[in-house]
PDB file of all heavy atoms in Angstrom:
ATOM      1  N   ALA A   1       0.857  -1.196  -0.004  1.00  0.00           N
ATOM      2  CA  ALA A   1       0.003   0.001   0.000  1.00  0.00           C
ATOM      3  C   ALA A   1       0.890   1.237   0.008  1.00  0.00           C
ATOM      4  O   ALA A   1       2.101   1.151   0.215  1.00  0.00           O
ATOM      5  CB  ALA A   1      -0.897   0.020   1.231  1.00  0.00           C
ATOM      6  N   VAL A   2       0.249   2.393  -0.198  1.00  0.00           N
ATOM      7  CA  VAL A   2       0.897   3.661   0.076  1.00  0.00           C
ATOM      8  C   VAL A   2       0.627   3.974   1.547  1.00  0.00           C
ATOM      9  O   VAL A   2      -0.533   3.925   1.986  1.00  0.00           O
ATOM     10  CB  VAL A   2       0.379   4.785  -0.817  1.00  0.00           C
ATOM     11  CG1 VAL A   2       1.019   6.101  -0.451  1.00  0.00           C
ATOM     12  CG2 VAL A   2       0.640   4.455  -2.290  1.00  0.00           C
ATOM     13  N   TYR A   3       1.680   4.263   2.297  1.00  0.00           N
ATOM     14  CA  TYR A   3       1.539   4.559   3.708  1.00  0.00           C
ATOM     15  C   TYR A   3       1.653   6.071   3.948  1.00  0.00           C
ATOM     16  O   TYR A   3       2.569   6.705   3.441  1.00  0.00           O
ATOM     17  CB  TYR A   3       2.632   3.819   4.498  1.00  0.00           C
ATOM     18  CG  TYR A   3       2.326   2.345   4.663  1.00  0.00           C
ATOM     19  CD1 TYR A   3       2.388   1.479   3.570  1.00  0.00           C
ATOM     20  CD2 TYR A   3       1.932   1.810   5.883  1.00  0.00           C
ATOM     21  CE1 TYR A   3       2.083   0.127   3.700  1.00  0.00           C
ATOM     22  CE2 TYR A   3       1.643   0.470   6.034  1.00  0.00           C
ATOM     23  CZ  TYR A   3       1.700  -0.376   4.924  1.00  0.00           C
ATOM     24  OH  TYR A   3       1.399  -1.694   5.065  1.00  0.00           O
ATOM     25  N   TYR A   4       0.700   6.572   4.732  1.00  0.00           N
ATOM     26  CA  TYR A   4       0.650   8.005   5.026  1.00  0.00           C
ATOM     27  C   TYR A   4       0.761   8.240   6.524  1.00  0.00           C
ATOM     28  O   TYR A   4       0.132   7.517   7.296  1.00  0.00           O
ATOM     29  CB  TYR A   4      -0.697   8.589   4.571  1.00  0.00           C
ATOM     30  CG  TYR A   4      -0.977   8.469   3.093  1.00  0.00           C
ATOM     31  CD1 TYR A   4      -1.623   7.362   2.572  1.00  0.00           C
ATOM     32  CD2 TYR A   4      -0.621   9.508   2.227  1.00  0.00           C
ATOM     33  CE1 TYR A   4      -1.908   7.274   1.219  1.00  0.00           C
ATOM     34  CE2 TYR A   4      -0.886   9.413   0.851  1.00  0.00           C
ATOM     35  CZ  TYR A   4      -1.527   8.291   0.376  1.00  0.00           C
ATOM     36  OH  TYR A   4      -1.797   8.190  -0.966  1.00  0.00           O
ATOM     37  N   CYS A   5       1.529   9.241   6.903  1.00  0.00           N
ATOM     38  CA  CYS A   5       1.472   9.658   8.286  1.00  0.00           C
ATOM     39  C   CYS A   5       0.510  10.845   8.370  1.00  0.00           C
ATOM     40  O   CYS A   5       0.306  11.571   7.400  1.00  0.00           O
ATOM     41  CB  CYS A   5       2.845  10.006   8.847  1.00  0.00           C
ATOM     42  SG  CYS A   5       3.614  11.461   8.122  1.00  0.00           S
ATOM     43  N   ALA A   6      -0.086  10.999   9.546  1.00  0.00           N
ATOM     44  CA  ALA A   6      -1.098  12.036   9.753  1.00  0.00           C
ATOM     45  C   ALA A   6      -0.999  12.572  11.164  1.00  0.00           C
ATOM     46  O   ALA A   6      -0.584  11.879  12.080  1.00  0.00           O
ATOM     47  CB  ALA A   6      -2.488  11.449   9.523  1.00  0.00           C
ATOM     48  N   ALA A   7      -1.419  13.831  11.321  1.00  0.00           N
ATOM     49  CA  ALA A   7      -1.355  14.502  12.620  1.00  0.00           C
ATOM     50  C   ALA A   7      -2.739  15.040  13.003  1.00  0.00           C
ATOM     51  O   ALA A   7      -3.436  15.645  12.190  1.00  0.00           O
ATOM     52  CB  ALA A   7      -0.353  15.649  12.552  1.00  0.00           C
ATOM     53  N   ASP A   8      -3.103  14.801  14.245  1.00  0.00           N
ATOM     54  CA  ASP A   8      -4.331  15.325  14.840  1.00  0.00           C
ATOM     55  C   ASP A   8      -3.907  16.483  15.752  1.00  0.00           C
ATOM     56  O   ASP A   8      -3.540  16.281  16.911  1.00  0.00           O
ATOM     57  CB  ASP A   8      -5.025  14.232  15.639  1.00  0.00           C
ATOM     58  CG  ASP A   8      -6.263  14.716  16.362  1.00  0.00           C
ATOM     59  OD1 ASP A   8      -6.644  15.895  16.186  1.00  0.00           O
ATOM     60  OD2 ASP A   8      -6.871  13.912  17.104  1.00  0.00           O
ATOM     61  N   LEU A   9      -3.963  17.694  15.220  1.00  0.00           N
ATOM     62  CA  LEU A   9      -3.417  18.848  15.929  1.00  0.00           C
ATOM     63  C   LEU A   9      -4.244  19.288  17.125  1.00  0.00           C
ATOM     64  O   LEU A   9      -3.709  19.976  18.009  1.00  0.00           O
ATOM     65  CB  LEU A   9      -3.236  20.017  14.979  1.00  0.00           C
ATOM     66  CG  LEU A   9      -1.831  20.248  14.437  1.00  0.00           C
ATOM     67  CD1 LEU A   9      -1.325  19.019  13.723  1.00  0.00           C
ATOM     68  CD2 LEU A   9      -1.754  21.470  13.558  1.00  0.00           C
ATOM     69  N   TYR A  10      -5.506  18.987  17.128  1.00  0.00           N
ATOM     70  CA  TYR A  10      -6.390  19.475  18.175  1.00  0.00           C
ATOM     71  C   TYR A  10      -7.150  18.320  18.788  1.00  0.00           C
ATOM     72  O   TYR A  10      -8.376  18.259  18.728  1.00  0.00           O
ATOM     73  CB  TYR A  10      -7.336  20.520  17.616  1.00  0.00           C
ATOM     74  CG  TYR A  10      -6.620  21.636  16.896  1.00  0.00           C
ATOM     75  CD1 TYR A  10      -6.570  21.674  15.498  1.00  0.00           C
ATOM     76  CD2 TYR A  10      -5.949  22.619  17.594  1.00  0.00           C
ATOM     77  CE1 TYR A  10      -5.898  22.676  14.833  1.00  0.00           C
ATOM     78  CE2 TYR A  10      -5.259  23.631  16.930  1.00  0.00           C
ATOM     79  CZ  TYR A  10      -5.251  23.655  15.546  1.00  0.00           C
ATOM     80  OH  TYR A  10      -4.575  24.649  14.903  1.00  0.00           O
ATOM     81  N   PRO A  11      -6.426  17.399  19.413  1.00  0.00           N
ATOM     82  CA  PRO A  11      -7.115  16.234  19.998  1.00  0.00           C
ATOM     83  C   PRO A  11      -8.025  16.622  21.122  1.00  0.00           C
ATOM     84  O   PRO A  11      -7.667  17.436  21.976  1.00  0.00           O
ATOM     85  CB  PRO A  11      -5.961  15.356  20.465  1.00  0.00           C
ATOM     86  CG  PRO A  11      -4.832  16.305  20.711  1.00  0.00           C
ATOM     87  CD  PRO A  11      -5.003  17.367  19.678  1.00  0.00           C
ATOM     88  N   SER A  12      -9.218  16.070  21.124  1.00  0.00           N
ATOM     89  CA  SER A  12     -10.181  16.377  22.178  1.00  0.00           C
ATOM     90  C   SER A  12     -10.105  15.375  23.302  1.00  0.00           C
ATOM     91  O   SER A  12     -10.694  15.581  24.366  1.00  0.00           O
ATOM     92  CB  SER A  12     -11.605  16.398  21.599  1.00  0.00           C
ATOM     93  OG  SER A  12     -11.894  15.138  20.968  1.00  0.00           O
ATOM     94  N   VAL A  13      -9.386  14.280  23.061  1.00  0.00           N
ATOM     95  CA  VAL A  13      -9.232  13.257  24.099  1.00  0.00           C
ATOM     96  C   VAL A  13      -7.755  12.860  24.155  1.00  0.00           C
ATOM     97  O   VAL A  13      -6.995  13.122  23.242  1.00  0.00           O
ATOM     98  CB  VAL A  13     -10.100  12.015  23.795  1.00  0.00           C
ATOM     99  CG1 VAL A  13     -11.568  12.371  23.907  1.00  0.00           C
ATOM    100  CG2 VAL A  13      -9.792  11.448  22.409  1.00  0.00           C
ATOM    101  N   THR A  14      -7.386  12.207  25.248  1.00  0.00           N
ATOM    102  CA  THR A  14      -5.971  11.855  25.444  1.00  0.00           C
ATOM    103  C   THR A  14      -5.593  10.637  24.599  1.00  0.00           C
ATOM    104  O   THR A  14      -4.416  10.416  24.330  1.00  0.00           O
ATOM    105  CB  THR A  14      -5.685  11.534  26.919  1.00  0.00           C
ATOM    106  OG1 THR A  14      -6.576  10.513  27.363  1.00  0.00           O
ATOM    107  CG2 THR A  14      -5.883  12.774  27.756  1.00  0.00           C
ATOM    108  N   THR A  15      -6.598   9.861  24.181  1.00  0.00           N
ATOM    109  CA  THR A  15      -6.340   8.659  23.379  1.00  0.00           C
ATOM    110  C   THR A  15      -6.490   8.990  21.890  1.00  0.00           C
ATOM    111  O   THR A  15      -7.525   9.543  21.500  1.00  0.00           O
ATOM    112  CB  THR A  15      -7.305   7.535  23.738  1.00  0.00           C
ATOM    113  OG1 THR A  15      -7.163   7.235  25.136  1.00  0.00           O
ATOM    114  CG2 THR A  15      -7.028   6.283  22.915  1.00  0.00           C
ATOM    115  N   PRO A  16      -5.498   8.656  21.057  1.00  0.00           N
ATOM    116  CA  PRO A  16      -5.640   8.917  19.618  1.00  0.00           C
ATOM    117  C   PRO A  16      -6.766   8.081  19.026  1.00  0.00           C
ATOM    118  O   PRO A  16      -7.111   7.021  19.573  1.00  0.00           O
ATOM    119  CB  PRO A  16      -4.273   8.526  19.049  1.00  0.00           C
ATOM    120  CG  PRO A  16      -3.686   7.588  20.035  1.00  0.00           C
ATOM    121  CD  PRO A  16      -4.214   8.039  21.380  1.00  0.00           C
ATOM    122  N   THR A  17      -7.314   8.560  17.911  1.00  0.00           N
ATOM    123  CA  THR A  17      -8.417   7.835  17.302  1.00  0.00           C
ATOM    124  C   THR A  17      -7.986   7.074  16.057  1.00  0.00           C
ATOM    125  O   THR A  17      -6.897   7.287  15.530  1.00  0.00           O
ATOM    126  CB  THR A  17      -9.555   8.813  16.903  1.00  0.00           C
ATOM    127  OG1 THR A  17      -9.151   9.556  15.752  1.00  0.00           O
ATOM    128  CG2 THR A  17      -9.862   9.752  18.039  1.00  0.00           C
ATOM    129  N   GLN A  18      -8.875   6.227  15.585  1.00  0.00           N
ATOM    130  CA  GLN A  18      -8.610   5.449  14.378  1.00  0.00           C
ATOM    131  C   GLN A  18      -9.295   6.045  13.144  1.00  0.00           C
ATOM    132  O   GLN A  18      -9.121   5.521  12.036  1.00  0.00           O
ATOM    133  CB  GLN A  18      -9.086   4.009  14.569  1.00  0.00           C
ATOM    134  CG  GLN A  18      -8.410   3.309  15.723  1.00  0.00           C
ATOM    135  CD  GLN A  18      -8.802   1.842  15.806  1.00  0.00           C
ATOM    136  OE1 GLN A  18      -9.258   1.246  14.834  1.00  0.00           O
ATOM    137  NE2 GLN A  18      -8.673   1.261  16.990  1.00  0.00           N
ATOM    138  N   SER A  19     -10.023   7.119  13.323  1.00  0.00           N
ATOM    139  CA  SER A  19     -10.769   7.710  12.224  1.00  0.00           C
ATOM    140  C   SER A  19      -9.901   8.712  11.439  1.00  0.00           C
ATOM    141  O   SER A  19      -9.365   9.650  12.025  1.00  0.00           O
ATOM    142  CB  SER A  19     -12.002   8.431  12.722  1.00  0.00           C
ATOM    143  OG  SER A  19     -12.617   9.170  11.686  1.00  0.00           O
ATOM    144  N   ARG A  20      -9.832   8.535  10.149  1.00  0.00           N
ATOM    145  CA  ARG A  20      -9.026   9.422   9.351  1.00  0.00           C
ATOM    146  C   ARG A  20      -9.588  10.849   9.372  1.00  0.00           C
ATOM    147  O   ARG A  20      -8.849  11.816   9.119  1.00  0.00           O
ATOM    148  CB  ARG A  20      -8.947   8.937   7.901  1.00  0.00           C
ATOM    149  CG  ARG A  20     -10.288   8.812   7.220  1.00  0.00           C
ATOM    150  CD  ARG A  20     -10.126   8.267   5.828  1.00  0.00           C
ATOM    151  NE  ARG A  20     -11.422   8.017   5.184  1.00  0.00           N
ATOM    152  CZ  ARG A  20     -11.568   7.746   3.898  1.00  0.00           C
ATOM    153  NH1 ARG A  20     -10.526   7.694   3.119  1.00  0.00           N
ATOM    154  NH2 ARG A  20     -12.756   7.507   3.402  1.00  0.00           N
ATOM    155  N   TYR A  21     -10.843  10.997   9.685  1.00  0.00           N
ATOM    156  CA  TYR A  21     -11.479  12.314   9.659  1.00  0.00           C
ATOM    157  C   TYR A  21     -11.041  13.172  10.854  1.00  0.00           C
ATOM    158  O   TYR A  21     -11.298  14.379  10.876  1.00  0.00           O
ATOM    159  CB  TYR A  21     -12.996  12.169   9.599  1.00  0.00           C
ATOM    160  CG  TYR A  21     -13.431  11.410   8.384  1.00  0.00           C
ATOM    161  CD1 TYR A  21     -13.902  10.095   8.498  1.00  0.00           C
ATOM    162  CD2 TYR A  21     -13.360  11.977   7.120  1.00  0.00           C
ATOM    163  CE1 TYR A  21     -14.290   9.383   7.363  1.00  0.00           C
ATOM    164  CE2 TYR A  21     -13.722  11.267   5.997  1.00  0.00           C
ATOM    165  CZ  TYR A  21     -14.200   9.968   6.123  1.00  0.00           C
ATOM    166  OH  TYR A  21     -14.550   9.265   5.009  1.00  0.00           O
ATOM    167  N   ASP A  22     -10.420  12.575  11.833  1.00  0.00           N
ATOM    168  CA  ASP A  22      -9.901  13.341  12.980  1.00  0.00           C
ATOM    169  C   ASP A  22      -8.525  13.908  12.759  1.00  0.00           C
ATOM    170  O   ASP A  22      -8.026  14.663  13.599  1.00  0.00           O
ATOM    171  CB  ASP A  22      -9.904  12.427  14.218  1.00  0.00           C
ATOM    172  CG  ASP A  22     -11.301  12.126  14.732  1.00  0.00           C
ATOM    173  OD1 ASP A  22     -12.184  12.981  14.548  1.00  0.00           O
ATOM    174  OD2 ASP A  22     -11.493  11.040  15.269  1.00  0.00           O
ATOM    175  N   TYR A  23      -7.882  13.536  11.662  1.00  0.00           N
ATOM    176  CA  TYR A  23      -6.514  13.953  11.404  1.00  0.00           C
ATOM    177  C   TYR A  23      -6.513  15.110  10.406  1.00  0.00           C
ATOM    178  O   TYR A  23      -7.134  15.024   9.350  1.00  0.00           O
ATOM    179  CB  TYR A  23      -5.683  12.768  10.936  1.00  0.00           C
ATOM    180  CG  TYR A  23      -5.479  11.775  12.057  1.00  0.00           C
ATOM    181  CD1 TYR A  23      -6.439  10.812  12.313  1.00  0.00           C
ATOM    182  CD2 TYR A  23      -4.393  11.859  12.897  1.00  0.00           C
ATOM    183  CE1 TYR A  23      -6.308   9.916  13.394  1.00  0.00           C
ATOM    184  CE2 TYR A  23      -4.217  10.990  13.962  1.00  0.00           C
ATOM    185  CZ  TYR A  23      -5.203  10.019  14.217  1.00  0.00           C
ATOM    186  OH  TYR A  23      -5.055   9.168  15.274  1.00  0.00           O
ATOM    187  N   ASP A  24      -5.782  16.174  10.794  1.00  0.00           N
ATOM    188  CA  ASP A  24      -5.865  17.437  10.049  1.00  0.00           C
ATOM    189  C   ASP A  24      -4.827  17.547   8.954  1.00  0.00           C
ATOM    190  O   ASP A  24      -5.042  18.239   7.958  1.00  0.00           O
ATOM    191  CB  ASP A  24      -5.653  18.602  11.038  1.00  0.00           C
ATOM    192  CG  ASP A  24      -6.468  18.445  12.319  1.00  0.00           C
ATOM    193  OD1 ASP A  24      -7.676  18.647  12.245  1.00  0.00           O
ATOM    194  OD2 ASP A  24      -5.853  18.118  13.355  1.00  0.00           O
ATOM    195  N   TYR A  25      -3.665  16.955   9.183  1.00  0.00           N
ATOM    196  CA  TYR A  25      -2.564  17.111   8.247  1.00  0.00           C
ATOM    197  C   TYR A  25      -2.035  15.745   7.838  1.00  0.00           C
ATOM    198  O   TYR A  25      -1.964  14.819   8.672  1.00  0.00           O
ATOM    199  CB  TYR A  25      -1.448  17.960   8.853  1.00  0.00           C
ATOM    200  CG  TYR A  25      -1.878  19.399   9.026  1.00  0.00           C
ATOM    201  CD1 TYR A  25      -2.487  19.822  10.205  1.00  0.00           C
ATOM    202  CD2 TYR A  25      -1.681  20.318   7.995  1.00  0.00           C
ATOM    203  CE1 TYR A  25      -2.914  21.130  10.341  1.00  0.00           C
ATOM    204  CE2 TYR A  25      -2.093  21.635   8.156  1.00  0.00           C
ATOM    205  CZ  TYR A  25      -2.714  22.025   9.328  1.00  0.00           C
ATOM    206  OH  TYR A  25      -3.127  23.333   9.471  1.00  0.00           O
ATOM    207  N   TRP A  26      -1.614  15.667   6.587  1.00  0.00           N
ATOM    208  CA  TRP A  26      -1.177  14.422   6.009  1.00  0.00           C
ATOM    209  C   TRP A  26       0.135  14.615   5.229  1.00  0.00           C
ATOM    210  O   TRP A  26       0.356  15.671   4.646  1.00  0.00           O
ATOM    211  CB  TRP A  26      -2.234  13.878   5.043  1.00  0.00           C
ATOM    212  CG  TRP A  26      -3.510  13.518   5.731  1.00  0.00           C
ATOM    213  CD1 TRP A  26      -4.513  14.368   6.120  1.00  0.00           C
ATOM    214  CD2 TRP A  26      -3.924  12.213   6.116  1.00  0.00           C
ATOM    215  NE1 TRP A  26      -5.515  13.673   6.736  1.00  0.00           N
ATOM    216  CE2 TRP A  26      -5.177  12.341   6.746  1.00  0.00           C
ATOM    217  CE3 TRP A  26      -3.366  10.947   6.009  1.00  0.00           C
ATOM    218  CZ2 TRP A  26      -5.873  11.249   7.248  1.00  0.00           C
ATOM    219  CZ3 TRP A  26      -4.056   9.870   6.506  1.00  0.00           C
ATOM    220  CH2 TRP A  26      -5.299  10.003   7.111  1.00  0.00           C
ATOM    221  N   GLY A  27       0.943  13.586   5.228  1.00  0.00           N
ATOM    222  CA  GLY A  27       2.109  13.579   4.367  1.00  0.00           C
ATOM    223  C   GLY A  27       1.729  13.156   2.962  1.00  0.00           C
ATOM    224  O   GLY A  27       0.568  12.884   2.667  1.00  0.00           O
ATOM    225  N   GLN A  28       2.748  13.086   2.100  1.00  0.00           N
ATOM    226  CA  GLN A  28       2.489  12.766   0.698  1.00  0.00           C
ATOM    227  C   GLN A  28       2.429  11.274   0.416  1.00  0.00           C
ATOM    228  O   GLN A  28       1.976  10.866  -0.654  1.00  0.00           O
ATOM    229  CB  GLN A  28       3.598  13.397  -0.177  1.00  0.00           C
ATOM    230  CG  GLN A  28       4.882  12.592  -0.301  1.00  0.00           C
ATOM    231  CD  GLN A  28       5.715  12.604   0.987  1.00  0.00           C
ATOM    232  OE1 GLN A  28       5.442  13.345   1.935  1.00  0.00           O
ATOM    233  NE2 GLN A  28       6.764  11.793   1.015  1.00  0.00           N
ATOM    234  N   GLY A  29       2.850  10.483   1.375  1.00  0.00           N
ATOM    235  CA  GLY A  29       2.791   9.027   1.245  1.00  0.00           C
ATOM    236  C   GLY A  29       4.089   8.417   0.769  1.00  0.00           C
ATOM    237  O   GLY A  29       4.870   9.042   0.062  1.00  0.00           O
ATOM    238  N   THR A  30       4.296   7.162   1.159  1.00  0.00           N
ATOM    239  CA  THR A  30       5.453   6.398   0.696  1.00  0.00           C
ATOM    240  C   THR A  30       5.010   4.995   0.359  1.00  0.00           C
ATOM    241  O   THR A  30       4.235   4.388   1.094  1.00  0.00           O
ATOM    242  CB  THR A  30       6.587   6.380   1.772  1.00  0.00           C
ATOM    243  OG1 THR A  30       7.744   5.770   1.237  1.00  0.00           O
ATOM    244  CG2 THR A  30       6.170   5.691   3.058  1.00  0.00           C
ATOM    245  N   GLN A  31       5.463   4.496  -0.784  1.00  0.00           N
ATOM    246  CA  GLN A  31       4.991   3.209  -1.294  1.00  0.00           C
ATOM    247  C   GLN A  31       5.735   2.051  -0.616  1.00  0.00           C
ATOM    248  O   GLN A  31       6.977   2.057  -0.523  1.00  0.00           O
ATOM    249  CB  GLN A  31       5.223   3.115  -2.797  1.00  0.00           C
ATOM    250  CG  GLN A  31       4.862   1.771  -3.407  1.00  0.00           C
ATOM    251  CD  GLN A  31       3.364   1.533  -3.435  1.00  0.00           C
ATOM    252  OE1 GLN A  31       2.600   2.415  -3.838  1.00  0.00           O
ATOM    253  NE2 GLN A  31       2.932   0.340  -3.031  1.00  0.00           N
ATOM    254  N   VAL A  32       4.966   1.084  -0.145  1.00  0.00           N
ATOM    255  CA  VAL A  32       5.501  -0.160   0.387  1.00  0.00           C
ATOM    256  C   VAL A  32       4.968  -1.302  -0.465  1.00  0.00           C
ATOM    257  O   VAL A  32       3.759  -1.450  -0.625  1.00  0.00           O
ATOM    258  CB  VAL A  32       5.126  -0.371   1.855  1.00  0.00           C
ATOM    259  CG1 VAL A  32       5.520  -1.786   2.315  1.00  0.00           C
ATOM    260  CG2 VAL A  32       5.750   0.686   2.743  1.00  0.00           C
TER     261      VAL A  32
END
């Protein structure tokens, strides 16, 4: 797949989420 890193800049909870819609910024991706 293409792997992307993402950042949730304004987390509302201490535990990170699994939903891509909670992540505000994304990298360009790297192919694996």
